[in-house]
Structure formats: C-alpha cells, structure tokens
Amino acid sequence: MKTLIREKRKERNMTQEELSEALKVSRQTIISLEKGKYKPSLVLAHKLAQIFECTIEDLFIFEGDENV
C-alpha cells in the first residue's frame, strides 16, 4: 500500500513529531505509516484524513492484490 502521508504532512510544514502528537501515536508509527510498512486502523486513517482535510482514499493507494 502506498501512502501520501509524507507529502500531505510536508505541505502543511508539520514534523513527524507534531503529527504523532496530534494523533496520539508514537513518531515510529508515523515513520512506518509514511513508508507503507504499517496499515492503520480505520480510526487512525480517519483521524489522518481529518487532519489533512481530505478523504482516506486520498491518503492510501492500494496496489496489486493486497488483502484489504
């Protein structure tokens, strides 16, 4: 799964630390999300979409035959 979290975060001049604090998760979680190594819960994906004022689909791009 590809994410656009890093791009959206940088558009808003947010650090990983600031985003992690806003979401109440660790900075390591943000790093893993940005690298596509962690699939967030629906609640976390929704919070990200709210922060970036976009849809969940704008942040997460499913590729290939991923188990959704």
C-alpha atoms as a PDB file:
ATOM      1  CA  MET A   1       0.000   0.000   0.000  1.00  0.00           C
ATOM      2  CA  LYS A   2       1.346   3.396  -0.956  1.00  0.00           C
ATOM      3  CA  THR A   3       0.605   6.431   1.192  1.00  0.00           C
ATOM      4  CA  LEU A   4       0.726  10.150   0.600  1.00  0.00           C
ATOM      5  CA  ILE A   5       1.048  10.963   4.292  1.00  0.00           C
ATOM      6  CA  ARG A   6       4.578  12.338   3.998  1.00  0.00           C
ATOM      7  CA  GLU A   7       3.574  14.621   1.114  1.00  0.00           C
ATOM      8  CA  LYS A   8       0.477  15.893   2.934  1.00  0.00           C
ATOM      9  CA  ARG A   9       2.481  16.421   6.135  1.00  0.00           C
ATOM     10  CA  LYS A  10       5.179  18.400   4.319  1.00  0.00           C
ATOM     11  CA  GLU A  11       2.563  20.527   2.519  1.00  0.00           C
ATOM     12  CA  ARG A  12       1.465  21.644   5.985  1.00  0.00           C
ATOM     13  CA  ASN A  13       5.034  22.091   7.232  1.00  0.00           C
ATOM     14  CA  MET A  14       4.417  19.549  10.004  1.00  0.00           C
ATOM     15  CA  THR A  15       7.122  17.455  11.563  1.00  0.00           C
ATOM     16  CA  GLN A  16       6.648  13.766  12.255  1.00  0.00           C
ATOM     17  CA  GLU A  17       6.669  14.631  15.948  1.00  0.00           C
ATOM     18  CA  GLU A  18       3.873  17.192  15.547  1.00  0.00           C
ATOM     19  CA  LEU A  19       1.758  14.730  13.594  1.00  0.00           C
ATOM     20  CA  SER A  20       2.361  11.966  16.112  1.00  0.00           C
ATOM     21  CA  GLU A  21       1.285  14.279  18.943  1.00  0.00           C
ATOM     22  CA  ALA A  22      -1.878  15.299  17.077  1.00  0.00           C
ATOM     23  CA  LEU A  23      -2.758  11.633  16.537  1.00  0.00           C
ATOM     24  CA  LYS A  24      -1.584  10.468  19.986  1.00  0.00           C
ATOM     25  CA  VAL A  25       0.706   7.840  18.468  1.00  0.00           C
ATOM     26  CA  SER A  26       4.469   7.384  18.506  1.00  0.00           C
ATOM     27  CA  ARG A  27       6.774   9.009  15.984  1.00  0.00           C
ATOM     28  CA  GLN A  28       7.787   5.488  14.963  1.00  0.00           C
ATOM     29  CA  THR A  29       4.169   4.852  13.934  1.00  0.00           C
ATOM     30  CA  ILE A  30       4.306   7.897  11.655  1.00  0.00           C
ATOM     31  CA  ILE A  31       7.575   6.674  10.133  1.00  0.00           C
ATOM     32  CA  SER A  32       6.064   3.238   9.477  1.00  0.00           C
ATOM     33  CA  LEU A  33       2.905   4.770   8.004  1.00  0.00           C
ATOM     34  CA  GLU A  34       4.904   7.003   5.679  1.00  0.00           C
ATOM     35  CA  LYS A  35       6.963   4.044   4.477  1.00  0.00           C
ATOM     36  CA  GLY A  36       3.839   1.947   3.901  1.00  0.00           C
ATOM     37  CA  LYS A  37       5.018  -0.668   6.398  1.00  0.00           C
ATOM     38  CA  TYR A  38       2.045  -0.249   8.718  1.00  0.00           C
ATOM     39  CA  LYS A  39      -1.631  -0.441   7.820  1.00  0.00           C
ATOM     40  CA  PRO A  40      -3.563   1.869  10.127  1.00  0.00           C
ATOM     41  CA  SER A  41      -6.842   1.105  11.810  1.00  0.00           C
ATOM     42  CA  LEU A  42      -9.905   2.725  10.304  1.00  0.00           C
ATOM     43  CA  VAL A  43      -9.995   5.140  13.247  1.00  0.00           C
ATOM     44  CA  LEU A  44      -6.384   6.236  12.676  1.00  0.00           C
ATOM     45  CA  ALA A  45      -6.932   6.562   8.918  1.00  0.00           C
ATOM     46  CA  HIS A  46      -9.992   8.711   9.604  1.00  0.00           C
ATOM     47  CA  LYS A  47      -8.054  10.956  12.002  1.00  0.00           C
ATOM     48  CA  LEU A  48      -5.316  11.404   9.387  1.00  0.00           C
ATOM     49  CA  ALA A  49      -7.896  12.362   6.779  1.00  0.00           C
ATOM     50  CA  GLN A  50      -9.421  14.901   9.164  1.00  0.00           C
ATOM     51  CA  ILE A  51      -6.048  16.476   9.939  1.00  0.00           C
ATOM     52  CA  PHE A  52      -5.176  16.747   6.244  1.00  0.00           C
ATOM     53  CA  GLU A  53      -8.734  17.738   5.233  1.00  0.00           C
ATOM     54  CA  CYS A  54      -9.014  15.023   2.605  1.00  0.00           C
ATOM     55  CA  THR A  55     -10.535  11.583   2.167  1.00  0.00           C
ATOM     56  CA  ILE A  56      -8.981   8.343   3.307  1.00  0.00           C
ATOM     57  CA  GLU A  57      -8.738   7.366  -0.360  1.00  0.00           C
ATOM     58  CA  ASP A  58      -6.597  10.470  -0.971  1.00  0.00           C
ATOM     59  CA  LEU A  59      -4.043   9.210   1.573  1.00  0.00           C
ATOM     60  CA  PHE A  60      -3.884   5.480   0.892  1.00  0.00           C
ATOM     61  CA  ILE A  61      -3.427   3.876  -2.521  1.00  0.00           C
ATOM     62  CA  PHE A  62      -3.936   0.141  -2.747  1.00  0.00           C
ATOM     63  CA  GLU A  63      -1.723  -1.590  -5.275  1.00  0.00           C
ATOM     64  CA  GLY A  64      -1.994  -5.043  -6.771  1.00  0.00           C
ATOM     65  CA  ASP A  65      -3.631  -7.946  -4.969  1.00  0.00           C
ATOM     66  CA  GLU A  66      -3.348  -6.657  -1.432  1.00  0.00           C
ATOM     67  CA  ASN A  67      -5.564  -8.273   1.135  1.00  0.00           C
ATOM     68  CA  VAL A  68      -7.899  -5.483   2.036  1.00  0.00           C
END
